[in-house]
Amino acid sequence: MAVIHGHAGAGRCGPGKPLRIRGTSPSSVTCRRLLLAHSVPTHIRRHSSQVARVARTLAEALHGQGEAVDVGLVEASAILHDIAKAPCLESHLDHAAEGGRVLRELGLDAVAAIVEQHVHLGGWDPRGPVTDAEIVNYADKRVLYVRVVSLPERFRDLIVRYSKGRSDIEERIRRNWATMEAVEAKIFGRLPFGPADIGEARKTR
């Protein structure tokens, strides 16, 4: 069990209120305390909660089909995936990499490794087991603000918001879109329901 105090990040946890983090997958309550301790804005916390609901739904369903996914780790990583997004909007740092740095400082290496891959997966195996990082990355791509949407709706919004008419940025987003379509096919090829069934009816909490 790690007690987070007495280092550079301690002030973020509030004076006299160190966060006790047990194991590699902190509870959802601890994750939400971490978001508050790092002054994550309400709209980002609401988005993260919805991503976590989608990710947990998928992780539980995949686990039920025999996939070796860690449901608790998936949920924790989904809640914390945007822990560094707000300050990075101004600094233009990579919020996935910065989130990983923050979480590694807290001793959450397994969560950090997934958070670092929530924007771009990097190398992945379309035929291998479904990974925790694939689930969190995909869940994030299914949530527009707090609404569960299709991949086309999500990526069209990303193109409008981030490309700003730059063809190179649009091309990167479209490549990521193609990757997510392949991840979607991989995930739902192992489930008894389809992408359209992820939404209000399948919220678990």
N, C-alpha and C. Protein backbone atom coordinates (compact mmCIF):
# COMPACT_ATOMS: atom_id res chain seq x y z
N MET A 1 0.84 -1.20 0.00
CA MET A 1 0.00 0.00 0.00
C MET A 1 0.87 1.24 0.00
N ALA A 2 0.61 2.16 -0.90
CA ALA A 2 1.37 3.40 -0.97
C ALA A 2 0.60 4.52 -0.30
N VAL A 3 1.30 5.28 0.54
CA VAL A 3 0.71 6.48 1.13
C VAL A 3 1.37 7.66 0.45
N ILE A 4 0.61 8.43 -0.29
CA ILE A 4 1.19 9.49 -1.10
C ILE A 4 1.25 10.78 -0.29
N HIS A 5 2.44 11.06 0.21
CA HIS A 5 2.70 12.34 0.86
C HIS A 5 4.20 12.54 0.93
N GLY A 6 4.60 13.77 1.22
CA GLY A 6 6.03 14.04 1.40
C GLY A 6 6.84 14.08 0.12
N HIS A 7 6.16 14.34 -1.05
CA HIS A 7 6.92 14.52 -2.28
C HIS A 7 6.28 15.62 -3.08
N ALA A 8 6.80 15.85 -4.30
CA ALA A 8 6.37 17.02 -5.07
C ALA A 8 4.88 17.03 -5.35
N GLY A 9 4.24 15.86 -5.42
CA GLY A 9 2.82 15.84 -5.73
C GLY A 9 1.93 15.89 -4.51
N ALA A 10 2.49 15.94 -3.31
CA ALA A 10 1.68 15.81 -2.10
C ALA A 10 0.68 16.93 -1.94
N GLY A 11 1.06 18.15 -2.30
CA GLY A 11 0.16 19.28 -2.12
C GLY A 11 -1.14 19.11 -2.87
N ARG A 12 -1.07 18.38 -3.97
CA ARG A 12 -2.26 18.17 -4.77
C ARG A 12 -3.29 17.33 -4.03
N CYS A 13 -2.86 16.58 -3.05
CA CYS A 13 -3.77 15.70 -2.33
C CYS A 13 -4.41 16.38 -1.14
N GLY A 14 -4.01 17.60 -0.86
CA GLY A 14 -4.60 18.34 0.25
C GLY A 14 -3.83 18.14 1.53
N PRO A 15 -3.64 19.19 2.31
CA PRO A 15 -2.87 19.08 3.54
C PRO A 15 -3.51 18.12 4.53
N GLY A 16 -2.70 17.21 5.03
CA GLY A 16 -3.17 16.27 6.03
C GLY A 16 -4.09 15.20 5.49
N LYS A 17 -4.23 15.11 4.15
CA LYS A 17 -5.12 14.11 3.56
C LYS A 17 -4.40 13.31 2.48
N PRO A 18 -3.37 12.56 2.89
CA PRO A 18 -2.67 11.75 1.88
C PRO A 18 -3.60 10.67 1.33
N LEU A 19 -3.42 10.34 0.07
CA LEU A 19 -4.21 9.29 -0.55
C LEU A 19 -3.53 7.95 -0.33
N ARG A 20 -4.28 7.00 0.18
CA ARG A 20 -3.75 5.65 0.39
C ARG A 20 -4.13 4.81 -0.81
N ILE A 21 -3.13 4.42 -1.58
CA ILE A 21 -3.37 3.69 -2.81
C ILE A 21 -2.91 2.25 -2.63
N ARG A 22 -3.85 1.33 -2.73
CA ARG A 22 -3.55 -0.09 -2.52
C ARG A 22 -3.42 -0.80 -3.86
N GLY A 23 -2.31 -1.48 -4.05
CA GLY A 23 -2.11 -2.28 -5.25
C GLY A 23 -1.95 -1.46 -6.51
N THR A 24 -2.16 -2.12 -7.64
CA THR A 24 -1.93 -1.46 -8.93
C THR A 24 -3.18 -0.78 -9.47
N SER A 25 -4.36 -1.15 -8.94
CA SER A 25 -5.62 -0.61 -9.46
C SER A 25 -6.37 0.09 -8.33
N PRO A 26 -6.22 1.41 -8.18
CA PRO A 26 -6.94 2.11 -7.12
C PRO A 26 -8.44 2.02 -7.34
N SER A 27 -9.20 2.08 -6.26
CA SER A 27 -10.65 2.01 -6.36
C SER A 27 -11.20 3.22 -7.11
N SER A 28 -12.43 3.12 -7.56
CA SER A 28 -13.04 4.24 -8.27
C SER A 28 -13.15 5.46 -7.37
N VAL A 29 -13.37 5.23 -6.07
CA VAL A 29 -13.44 6.35 -5.11
C VAL A 29 -12.09 7.06 -5.03
N THR A 30 -11.01 6.29 -4.92
CA THR A 30 -9.67 6.87 -4.87
C THR A 30 -9.35 7.60 -6.17
N CYS A 31 -9.74 7.01 -7.30
CA CYS A 31 -9.48 7.67 -8.60
C CYS A 31 -10.18 9.02 -8.66
N ARG A 32 -11.40 9.07 -8.18
CA ARG A 32 -12.14 10.34 -8.23
C ARG A 32 -11.54 11.36 -7.26
N ARG A 33 -11.01 10.88 -6.15
CA ARG A 33 -10.30 11.78 -5.23
C ARG A 33 -9.04 12.34 -5.90
N LEU A 34 -8.39 11.49 -6.67
CA LEU A 34 -7.19 11.96 -7.39
C LEU A 34 -7.54 13.05 -8.40
N LEU A 35 -8.64 12.88 -9.10
CA LEU A 35 -9.05 13.90 -10.06
C LEU A 35 -9.33 15.22 -9.36
N LEU A 36 -10.01 15.16 -8.23
CA LEU A 36 -10.28 16.38 -7.47
C LEU A 36 -8.99 16.98 -6.94
N ALA A 37 -8.09 16.13 -6.45
CA ALA A 37 -6.82 16.61 -5.90
C ALA A 37 -5.97 17.31 -6.96
N HIS A 38 -6.14 16.91 -8.20
CA HIS A 38 -5.39 17.52 -9.30
C HIS A 38 -6.20 18.59 -10.02
N SER A 39 -7.28 19.02 -9.39
CA SER A 39 -8.10 20.13 -9.91
C SER A 39 -8.59 19.89 -11.34
N VAL A 40 -8.96 18.64 -11.62
CA VAL A 40 -9.51 18.33 -12.93
C VAL A 40 -10.91 18.94 -13.04
N PRO A 41 -11.17 19.74 -14.07
CA PRO A 41 -12.47 20.42 -14.18
C PRO A 41 -13.66 19.45 -14.24
N THR A 42 -14.82 19.95 -13.84
CA THR A 42 -16.02 19.12 -13.76
C THR A 42 -16.35 18.46 -15.09
N HIS A 43 -16.25 19.20 -16.19
CA HIS A 43 -16.66 18.61 -17.48
C HIS A 43 -15.74 17.47 -17.89
N ILE A 44 -14.47 17.55 -17.51
CA ILE A 44 -13.55 16.45 -17.82
C ILE A 44 -13.83 15.26 -16.92
N ARG A 45 -14.15 15.52 -15.66
CA ARG A 45 -14.51 14.43 -14.75
C ARG A 45 -15.77 13.71 -15.20
N ARG A 46 -16.74 14.46 -15.71
CA ARG A 46 -17.98 13.84 -16.19
C ARG A 46 -17.69 12.99 -17.43
N HIS A 47 -16.87 13.50 -18.32
CA HIS A 47 -16.48 12.73 -19.50
C HIS A 47 -15.77 11.45 -19.08
N SER A 48 -14.85 11.56 -18.13
CA SER A 48 -14.08 10.40 -17.69
C SER A 48 -14.97 9.35 -17.04
N SER A 49 -15.98 9.78 -16.30
CA SER A 49 -16.91 8.84 -15.68
C SER A 49 -17.68 8.06 -16.73
N GLN A 50 -18.08 8.74 -17.80
CA GLN A 50 -18.80 8.05 -18.87
C GLN A 50 -17.88 7.08 -19.60
N VAL A 51 -16.64 7.51 -19.88
CA VAL A 51 -15.68 6.61 -20.51
C VAL A 51 -15.47 5.37 -19.63
N ALA A 52 -15.39 5.57 -18.32
CA ALA A 52 -15.19 4.45 -17.40
C ALA A 52 -16.38 3.50 -17.44
N ARG A 53 -17.61 4.02 -17.56
CA ARG A 53 -18.78 3.15 -17.65
C ARG A 53 -18.72 2.29 -18.91
N VAL A 54 -18.36 2.91 -20.02
CA VAL A 54 -18.25 2.14 -21.27
C VAL A 54 -17.13 1.11 -21.16
N ALA A 55 -15.98 1.54 -20.66
CA ALA A 55 -14.83 0.64 -20.55
C ALA A 55 -15.12 -0.54 -19.63
N ARG A 56 -15.76 -0.26 -18.50
CA ARG A 56 -16.07 -1.36 -17.56
C ARG A 56 -17.08 -2.33 -18.18
N THR A 57 -18.08 -1.80 -18.88
CA THR A 57 -19.05 -2.66 -19.55
C THR A 57 -18.35 -3.62 -20.51
N LEU A 58 -17.45 -3.07 -21.33
CA LEU A 58 -16.72 -3.90 -22.28
C LEU A 58 -15.80 -4.89 -21.57
N ALA A 59 -15.09 -4.42 -20.55
CA ALA A 59 -14.15 -5.29 -19.84
C ALA A 59 -14.88 -6.46 -19.18
N GLU A 60 -16.01 -6.17 -18.55
CA GLU A 60 -16.77 -7.25 -17.89
C GLU A 60 -17.29 -8.25 -18.92
N ALA A 61 -17.79 -7.73 -20.05
CA ALA A 61 -18.31 -8.63 -21.08
C ALA A 61 -17.20 -9.48 -21.68
N LEU A 62 -16.05 -8.87 -21.95
CA LEU A 62 -14.92 -9.62 -22.49
C LEU A 62 -14.40 -10.65 -21.50
N HIS A 63 -14.34 -10.26 -20.23
CA HIS A 63 -13.92 -11.20 -19.20
C HIS A 63 -14.86 -12.39 -19.16
N GLY A 64 -16.16 -12.12 -19.32
CA GLY A 64 -17.14 -13.20 -19.35
C GLY A 64 -16.99 -14.13 -20.53
N GLN A 65 -16.33 -13.63 -21.59
CA GLN A 65 -16.07 -14.46 -22.77
C GLN A 65 -14.69 -15.12 -22.72
N GLY A 66 -14.03 -14.99 -21.57
CA GLY A 66 -12.74 -15.67 -21.39
C GLY A 66 -11.52 -14.84 -21.71
N GLU A 67 -11.69 -13.54 -22.03
CA GLU A 67 -10.54 -12.69 -22.29
C GLU A 67 -9.87 -12.32 -20.95
N ALA A 68 -8.54 -12.31 -20.94
CA ALA A 68 -7.78 -12.05 -19.71
C ALA A 68 -7.61 -10.55 -19.51
N VAL A 69 -8.71 -9.87 -19.24
CA VAL A 69 -8.65 -8.43 -18.99
C VAL A 69 -8.80 -8.18 -17.49
N ASP A 70 -8.21 -7.10 -17.02
CA ASP A 70 -8.28 -6.72 -15.61
C ASP A 70 -9.33 -5.62 -15.48
N VAL A 71 -10.53 -5.98 -15.04
CA VAL A 71 -11.65 -5.05 -15.02
C VAL A 71 -11.35 -3.84 -14.14
N GLY A 72 -10.77 -4.07 -12.97
CA GLY A 72 -10.45 -2.98 -12.06
C GLY A 72 -9.42 -2.03 -12.64
N LEU A 73 -8.42 -2.57 -13.28
CA LEU A 73 -7.38 -1.74 -13.90
C LEU A 73 -7.95 -0.94 -15.07
N VAL A 74 -8.82 -1.56 -15.85
CA VAL A 74 -9.46 -0.86 -16.96
C VAL A 74 -10.28 0.32 -16.43
N GLU A 75 -11.09 0.08 -15.40
CA GLU A 75 -11.93 1.14 -14.86
C GLU A 75 -11.09 2.28 -14.29
N ALA A 76 -10.06 1.95 -13.51
CA ALA A 76 -9.20 2.99 -12.92
C ALA A 76 -8.53 3.81 -14.01
N SER A 77 -8.02 3.16 -15.02
CA SER A 77 -7.33 3.86 -16.10
C SER A 77 -8.28 4.76 -16.88
N ALA A 78 -9.50 4.30 -17.07
CA ALA A 78 -10.49 5.10 -17.78
C ALA A 78 -10.87 6.35 -16.99
N ILE A 79 -11.04 6.19 -15.68
CA ILE A 79 -11.37 7.36 -14.85
C ILE A 79 -10.23 8.38 -14.89
N LEU A 80 -9.00 7.89 -14.90
CA LEU A 80 -7.83 8.77 -14.78
C LEU A 80 -7.22 9.17 -16.12
N HIS A 81 -7.82 8.78 -17.23
CA HIS A 81 -7.12 8.95 -18.52
C HIS A 81 -6.87 10.40 -18.88
N ASP A 82 -7.71 11.32 -18.41
CA ASP A 82 -7.52 12.74 -18.73
C ASP A 82 -7.06 13.56 -17.53
N ILE A 83 -6.37 12.94 -16.60
CA ILE A 83 -5.97 13.64 -15.38
C ILE A 83 -5.10 14.86 -15.68
N ALA A 84 -4.37 14.85 -16.79
CA ALA A 84 -3.47 15.97 -17.12
C ALA A 84 -3.97 16.80 -18.29
N LYS A 85 -5.21 16.60 -18.74
CA LYS A 85 -5.64 17.26 -19.97
C LYS A 85 -5.77 18.77 -19.83
N ALA A 86 -6.39 19.24 -18.76
CA ALA A 86 -6.67 20.68 -18.63
C ALA A 86 -5.41 21.54 -18.74
N PRO A 87 -4.36 21.29 -17.93
CA PRO A 87 -3.16 22.13 -18.06
C PRO A 87 -2.46 21.97 -19.40
N CYS A 88 -2.61 20.80 -20.04
CA CYS A 88 -1.94 20.57 -21.32
C CYS A 88 -2.62 21.33 -22.46
N LEU A 89 -3.87 21.72 -22.29
CA LEU A 89 -4.54 22.50 -23.32
C LEU A 89 -3.85 23.85 -23.50
N GLU A 90 -3.30 24.38 -22.41
CA GLU A 90 -2.58 25.66 -22.48
C GLU A 90 -1.10 25.47 -22.80
N SER A 91 -0.51 24.44 -22.21
CA SER A 91 0.93 24.23 -22.39
C SER A 91 1.27 23.54 -23.70
N HIS A 92 0.26 22.89 -24.32
CA HIS A 92 0.43 22.14 -25.57
C HIS A 92 1.31 20.90 -25.38
N LEU A 93 1.46 20.47 -24.12
CA LEU A 93 2.13 19.19 -23.88
C LEU A 93 1.21 18.05 -24.27
N ASP A 94 1.77 16.89 -24.50
CA ASP A 94 1.00 15.68 -24.80
C ASP A 94 0.31 15.24 -23.51
N HIS A 95 -1.02 15.36 -23.44
CA HIS A 95 -1.70 15.08 -22.17
C HIS A 95 -1.67 13.61 -21.81
N ALA A 96 -1.53 12.72 -22.79
CA ALA A 96 -1.42 11.30 -22.48
C ALA A 96 -0.07 11.01 -21.81
N ALA A 97 0.99 11.55 -22.38
CA ALA A 97 2.33 11.36 -21.80
C ALA A 97 2.43 12.04 -20.44
N GLU A 98 1.87 13.25 -20.33
CA GLU A 98 1.92 13.96 -19.06
C GLU A 98 1.09 13.26 -18.00
N GLY A 99 -0.05 12.71 -18.39
CA GLY A 99 -0.85 11.94 -17.45
C GLY A 99 -0.09 10.73 -16.95
N GLY A 100 0.62 10.07 -17.85
CA GLY A 100 1.45 8.94 -17.44
C GLY A 100 2.51 9.34 -16.45
N ARG A 101 3.13 10.50 -16.69
CA ARG A 101 4.16 10.99 -15.75
C ARG A 101 3.58 11.22 -14.37
N VAL A 102 2.43 11.89 -14.32
CA VAL A 102 1.79 12.17 -13.04
C VAL A 102 1.46 10.87 -12.30
N LEU A 103 0.93 9.90 -13.01
CA LEU A 103 0.52 8.65 -12.38
C LEU A 103 1.72 7.81 -11.95
N ARG A 104 2.81 7.87 -12.70
CA ARG A 104 4.02 7.15 -12.27
C ARG A 104 4.60 7.75 -11.00
N GLU A 105 4.47 9.07 -10.86
CA GLU A 105 4.91 9.70 -9.61
C GLU A 105 4.12 9.18 -8.41
N LEU A 106 2.89 8.77 -8.66
CA LEU A 106 2.04 8.24 -7.60
C LEU A 106 2.21 6.73 -7.41
N GLY A 107 3.11 6.13 -8.17
CA GLY A 107 3.36 4.70 -8.05
C GLY A 107 2.37 3.84 -8.81
N LEU A 108 1.60 4.45 -9.72
CA LEU A 108 0.57 3.73 -10.47
C LEU A 108 1.08 3.41 -11.88
N ASP A 109 2.12 2.60 -11.95
CA ASP A 109 2.77 2.34 -13.24
C ASP A 109 1.85 1.63 -14.22
N ALA A 110 1.06 0.67 -13.73
CA ALA A 110 0.17 -0.08 -14.64
C ALA A 110 -0.90 0.83 -15.22
N VAL A 111 -1.47 1.70 -14.39
CA VAL A 111 -2.46 2.67 -14.87
C VAL A 111 -1.79 3.64 -15.84
N ALA A 112 -0.60 4.11 -15.49
CA ALA A 112 0.12 5.06 -16.34
C ALA A 112 0.36 4.50 -17.73
N ALA A 113 0.73 3.22 -17.81
CA ALA A 113 1.03 2.61 -19.10
C ALA A 113 -0.19 2.62 -20.02
N ILE A 114 -1.38 2.47 -19.44
CA ILE A 114 -2.61 2.50 -20.23
C ILE A 114 -2.97 3.93 -20.60
N VAL A 115 -2.85 4.84 -19.65
CA VAL A 115 -3.16 6.24 -19.90
C VAL A 115 -2.28 6.79 -21.02
N GLU A 116 -1.03 6.38 -21.04
CA GLU A 116 -0.10 6.84 -22.09
C GLU A 116 -0.52 6.39 -23.48
N GLN A 117 -1.37 5.36 -23.55
CA GLN A 117 -1.81 4.83 -24.84
C GLN A 117 -3.26 5.19 -25.17
N HIS A 118 -3.88 6.09 -24.41
CA HIS A 118 -5.31 6.32 -24.62
C HIS A 118 -5.61 7.22 -25.81
N VAL A 119 -4.60 7.93 -26.33
CA VAL A 119 -4.80 8.73 -27.54
C VAL A 119 -4.38 7.91 -28.76
N HIS A 120 -3.15 7.39 -28.72
CA HIS A 120 -2.65 6.53 -29.80
C HIS A 120 -2.15 5.23 -29.18
N LEU A 121 -2.61 4.11 -29.72
CA LEU A 121 -2.22 2.81 -29.16
C LEU A 121 -0.77 2.47 -29.44
N GLY A 122 -0.23 2.95 -30.54
CA GLY A 122 1.09 2.50 -30.94
C GLY A 122 0.98 1.10 -31.50
N GLY A 123 1.98 0.27 -31.24
CA GLY A 123 1.94 -1.10 -31.74
C GLY A 123 0.87 -1.93 -31.05
N TRP A 124 0.07 -2.64 -31.82
CA TRP A 124 -0.96 -3.51 -31.24
C TRP A 124 -1.20 -4.67 -32.19
N ASP A 125 -1.76 -5.74 -31.66
CA ASP A 125 -1.93 -6.97 -32.43
C ASP A 125 -3.42 -7.18 -32.72
N PRO A 126 -3.84 -7.02 -33.98
CA PRO A 126 -5.26 -7.20 -34.30
C PRO A 126 -5.78 -8.61 -34.09
N ARG A 127 -4.86 -9.57 -33.98
CA ARG A 127 -5.28 -10.97 -33.81
C ARG A 127 -5.02 -11.51 -32.41
N GLY A 128 -4.33 -10.72 -31.58
CA GLY A 128 -4.00 -11.19 -30.24
C GLY A 128 -5.13 -10.99 -29.25
N PRO A 129 -4.88 -11.28 -27.99
CA PRO A 129 -5.89 -11.05 -26.96
C PRO A 129 -6.24 -9.57 -26.88
N VAL A 130 -7.47 -9.27 -26.50
CA VAL A 130 -7.85 -7.88 -26.28
C VAL A 130 -7.11 -7.38 -25.04
N THR A 131 -6.49 -6.21 -25.16
CA THR A 131 -5.71 -5.67 -24.04
C THR A 131 -6.50 -4.60 -23.30
N ASP A 132 -6.07 -4.35 -22.07
CA ASP A 132 -6.69 -3.29 -21.26
C ASP A 132 -6.55 -1.93 -21.96
N ALA A 133 -5.40 -1.68 -22.56
CA ALA A 133 -5.17 -0.40 -23.24
C ALA A 133 -6.10 -0.23 -24.43
N GLU A 134 -6.35 -1.30 -25.17
CA GLU A 134 -7.27 -1.22 -26.31
C GLU A 134 -8.68 -0.86 -25.84
N ILE A 135 -9.10 -1.44 -24.74
CA ILE A 135 -10.45 -1.17 -24.22
C ILE A 135 -10.58 0.30 -23.83
N VAL A 136 -9.61 0.82 -23.08
CA VAL A 136 -9.70 2.21 -22.62
C VAL A 136 -9.62 3.18 -23.79
N ASN A 137 -8.70 2.93 -24.72
CA ASN A 137 -8.57 3.79 -25.90
C ASN A 137 -9.88 3.80 -26.68
N TYR A 138 -10.45 2.63 -26.91
CA TYR A 138 -11.69 2.53 -27.67
C TYR A 138 -12.85 3.20 -26.94
N ALA A 139 -12.96 2.98 -25.64
CA ALA A 139 -14.04 3.58 -24.86
C ALA A 139 -13.99 5.10 -24.94
N ASP A 140 -12.79 5.65 -24.87
CA ASP A 140 -12.64 7.10 -24.98
C ASP A 140 -13.12 7.60 -26.34
N LYS A 141 -12.90 6.80 -27.39
CA LYS A 141 -13.31 7.20 -28.73
C LYS A 141 -14.81 7.03 -28.96
N ARG A 142 -15.50 6.44 -28.00
CA ARG A 142 -16.96 6.29 -28.12
C ARG A 142 -17.72 7.33 -27.32
N VAL A 143 -17.01 8.21 -26.61
CA VAL A 143 -17.69 9.20 -25.76
C VAL A 143 -17.34 10.61 -26.22
N LEU A 144 -18.34 11.32 -26.70
CA LEU A 144 -18.20 12.71 -27.11
C LEU A 144 -18.75 13.56 -25.98
N TYR A 145 -17.85 14.22 -25.27
CA TYR A 145 -18.21 14.93 -24.03
C TYR A 145 -18.78 13.89 -23.05
N VAL A 146 -20.10 13.80 -22.91
CA VAL A 146 -20.67 12.77 -22.02
C VAL A 146 -21.62 11.84 -22.77
N ARG A 147 -21.73 12.00 -24.09
CA ARG A 147 -22.64 11.15 -24.86
C ARG A 147 -21.89 9.99 -25.49
N VAL A 148 -22.51 8.81 -25.43
CA VAL A 148 -21.95 7.66 -26.15
C VAL A 148 -22.39 7.78 -27.60
N VAL A 149 -21.41 7.82 -28.49
CA VAL A 149 -21.67 8.01 -29.92
C VAL A 149 -20.92 6.96 -30.72
N SER A 150 -21.18 6.93 -32.01
CA SER A 150 -20.45 6.03 -32.91
C SER A 150 -19.06 6.57 -33.17
N LEU A 151 -18.18 5.71 -33.68
CA LEU A 151 -16.84 6.17 -34.06
C LEU A 151 -16.90 7.28 -35.12
N PRO A 152 -17.74 7.17 -36.17
CA PRO A 152 -17.77 8.26 -37.15
C PRO A 152 -18.15 9.60 -36.54
N GLU A 153 -19.13 9.62 -35.65
CA GLU A 153 -19.52 10.89 -35.04
C GLU A 153 -18.39 11.46 -34.20
N ARG A 154 -17.73 10.60 -33.45
CA ARG A 154 -16.63 11.06 -32.58
C ARG A 154 -15.47 11.61 -33.41
N PHE A 155 -15.09 10.89 -34.45
CA PHE A 155 -13.92 11.32 -35.21
C PHE A 155 -14.22 12.52 -36.10
N ARG A 156 -15.44 12.64 -36.58
CA ARG A 156 -15.77 13.85 -37.33
C ARG A 156 -15.66 15.08 -36.44
N ASP A 157 -16.08 14.93 -35.19
CA ASP A 157 -15.94 16.04 -34.24
C ASP A 157 -14.47 16.35 -33.99
N LEU A 158 -13.63 15.32 -33.85
CA LEU A 158 -12.20 15.53 -33.63
C LEU A 158 -11.57 16.27 -34.80
N ILE A 159 -11.98 15.91 -36.02
CA ILE A 159 -11.44 16.58 -37.20
C ILE A 159 -11.80 18.06 -37.19
N VAL A 160 -13.06 18.36 -36.87
CA VAL A 160 -13.50 19.76 -36.85
C VAL A 160 -12.77 20.55 -35.78
N ARG A 161 -12.65 19.95 -34.60
CA ARG A 161 -12.08 20.69 -33.46
C ARG A 161 -10.57 20.86 -33.54
N TYR A 162 -9.87 19.86 -34.07
CA TYR A 162 -8.42 19.87 -33.96
C TYR A 162 -7.67 20.10 -35.27
N SER A 163 -8.26 19.80 -36.42
CA SER A 163 -7.48 19.95 -37.64
C SER A 163 -7.37 21.41 -38.07
N LYS A 164 -8.43 22.19 -37.80
CA LYS A 164 -8.40 23.63 -38.14
C LYS A 164 -7.93 23.87 -39.57
N GLY A 165 -8.37 23.00 -40.46
CA GLY A 165 -8.01 23.17 -41.87
C GLY A 165 -6.65 22.63 -42.25
N ARG A 166 -5.90 22.09 -41.30
CA ARG A 166 -4.57 21.54 -41.60
C ARG A 166 -4.69 20.10 -42.06
N SER A 167 -4.29 19.84 -43.28
CA SER A 167 -4.45 18.52 -43.86
C SER A 167 -3.61 17.46 -43.15
N ASP A 168 -2.43 17.87 -42.62
CA ASP A 168 -1.58 16.89 -41.95
C ASP A 168 -2.22 16.40 -40.65
N ILE A 169 -2.85 17.31 -39.91
CA ILE A 169 -3.52 16.92 -38.67
C ILE A 169 -4.74 16.07 -38.98
N GLU A 170 -5.50 16.47 -39.99
CA GLU A 170 -6.68 15.68 -40.38
C GLU A 170 -6.26 14.27 -40.79
N GLU A 171 -5.16 14.15 -41.49
CA GLU A 171 -4.70 12.84 -41.92
C GLU A 171 -4.33 11.96 -40.73
N ARG A 172 -3.68 12.55 -39.71
CA ARG A 172 -3.35 11.78 -38.51
C ARG A 172 -4.61 11.30 -37.80
N ILE A 173 -5.61 12.17 -37.72
CA ILE A 173 -6.86 11.79 -37.07
C ILE A 173 -7.55 10.67 -37.86
N ARG A 174 -7.51 10.77 -39.18
CA ARG A 174 -8.14 9.73 -39.99
C ARG A 174 -7.41 8.40 -39.88
N ARG A 175 -6.10 8.43 -39.74
CA ARG A 175 -5.35 7.19 -39.53
C ARG A 175 -5.75 6.55 -38.19
N ASN A 176 -5.90 7.40 -37.18
CA ASN A 176 -6.31 6.90 -35.87
C ASN A 176 -7.73 6.34 -35.95
N TRP A 177 -8.59 6.98 -36.73
CA TRP A 177 -9.95 6.51 -36.95
C TRP A 177 -9.93 5.09 -37.55
N ALA A 178 -9.08 4.89 -38.55
CA ALA A 178 -8.98 3.57 -39.17
C ALA A 178 -8.49 2.52 -38.16
N THR A 179 -7.55 2.92 -37.32
CA THR A 179 -7.07 2.00 -36.28
C THR A 179 -8.20 1.63 -35.34
N MET A 180 -9.00 2.62 -34.93
CA MET A 180 -10.09 2.36 -34.01
C MET A 180 -11.18 1.48 -34.63
N GLU A 181 -11.39 1.61 -35.91
CA GLU A 181 -12.34 0.71 -36.57
C GLU A 181 -11.85 -0.73 -36.49
N ALA A 182 -10.54 -0.91 -36.64
CA ALA A 182 -9.97 -2.26 -36.54
C ALA A 182 -10.05 -2.77 -35.10
N VAL A 183 -9.80 -1.89 -34.13
CA VAL A 183 -9.92 -2.28 -32.72
C VAL A 183 -11.37 -2.64 -32.40
N GLU A 184 -12.30 -1.86 -32.92
CA GLU A 184 -13.72 -2.15 -32.71
C GLU A 184 -14.08 -3.53 -33.24
N ALA A 185 -13.61 -3.84 -34.44
CA ALA A 185 -13.87 -5.16 -35.03
C ALA A 185 -13.28 -6.26 -34.17
N LYS A 186 -12.09 -6.03 -33.64
CA LYS A 186 -11.44 -7.02 -32.78
C LYS A 186 -12.24 -7.25 -31.51
N ILE A 187 -12.63 -6.17 -30.84
CA ILE A 187 -13.37 -6.28 -29.57
C ILE A 187 -14.71 -6.97 -29.78
N PHE A 188 -15.49 -6.50 -30.75
CA PHE A 188 -16.85 -7.02 -30.89
C PHE A 188 -16.90 -8.35 -31.63
N GLY A 189 -15.77 -8.73 -32.23
CA GLY A 189 -15.70 -10.07 -32.79
C GLY A 189 -15.68 -11.13 -31.72
N ARG A 190 -15.49 -10.71 -30.46
CA ARG A 190 -15.43 -11.66 -29.34
C ARG A 190 -16.59 -11.49 -28.38
N LEU A 191 -17.57 -10.68 -28.77
CA LEU A 191 -18.71 -10.40 -27.89
C LEU A 191 -20.03 -10.77 -28.57
N PRO A 192 -21.05 -11.08 -27.77
CA PRO A 192 -22.35 -11.47 -28.33
C PRO A 192 -23.26 -10.27 -28.64
N PHE A 193 -22.70 -9.06 -28.67
CA PHE A 193 -23.46 -7.87 -29.03
C PHE A 193 -22.55 -6.96 -29.84
N GLY A 194 -23.12 -5.93 -30.43
CA GLY A 194 -22.36 -5.09 -31.33
C GLY A 194 -22.12 -3.69 -30.81
N PRO A 195 -21.36 -2.88 -31.56
CA PRO A 195 -21.03 -1.51 -31.14
C PRO A 195 -22.25 -0.65 -30.86
N ALA A 196 -23.32 -0.85 -31.62
CA ALA A 196 -24.51 -0.03 -31.43
C ALA A 196 -25.20 -0.32 -30.10
N ASP A 197 -24.87 -1.45 -29.48
CA ASP A 197 -25.49 -1.81 -28.20
C ASP A 197 -24.79 -1.15 -27.01
N ILE A 198 -23.67 -0.48 -27.26
CA ILE A 198 -22.99 0.24 -26.18
C ILE A 198 -23.64 1.61 -26.05
N GLY A 199 -24.18 1.87 -24.88
CA GLY A 199 -24.86 3.14 -24.68
C GLY A 199 -25.65 3.11 -23.40
N GLU A 200 -26.75 3.85 -23.37
CA GLU A 200 -27.52 3.99 -22.16
C GLU A 200 -27.97 2.64 -21.61
N ALA A 201 -28.38 1.74 -22.50
CA ALA A 201 -28.95 0.49 -22.03
C ALA A 201 -27.94 -0.42 -21.36
N ARG A 202 -26.65 -0.22 -21.66
CA ARG A 202 -25.63 -1.11 -21.11
C ARG A 202 -24.77 -0.43 -20.06
N LYS A 203 -25.18 0.71 -19.54
CA LYS A 203 -24.44 1.32 -18.44
C LYS A 203 -24.49 0.39 -17.23
N THR A 204 -23.37 0.23 -16.58
CA THR A 204 -23.32 -0.66 -15.43
C THR A 204 -23.40 0.10 -14.12
N ARG A 205 -23.14 1.40 -14.16
CA ARG A 205 -23.19 2.16 -12.92
C ARG A 205 -23.31 3.63 -13.26
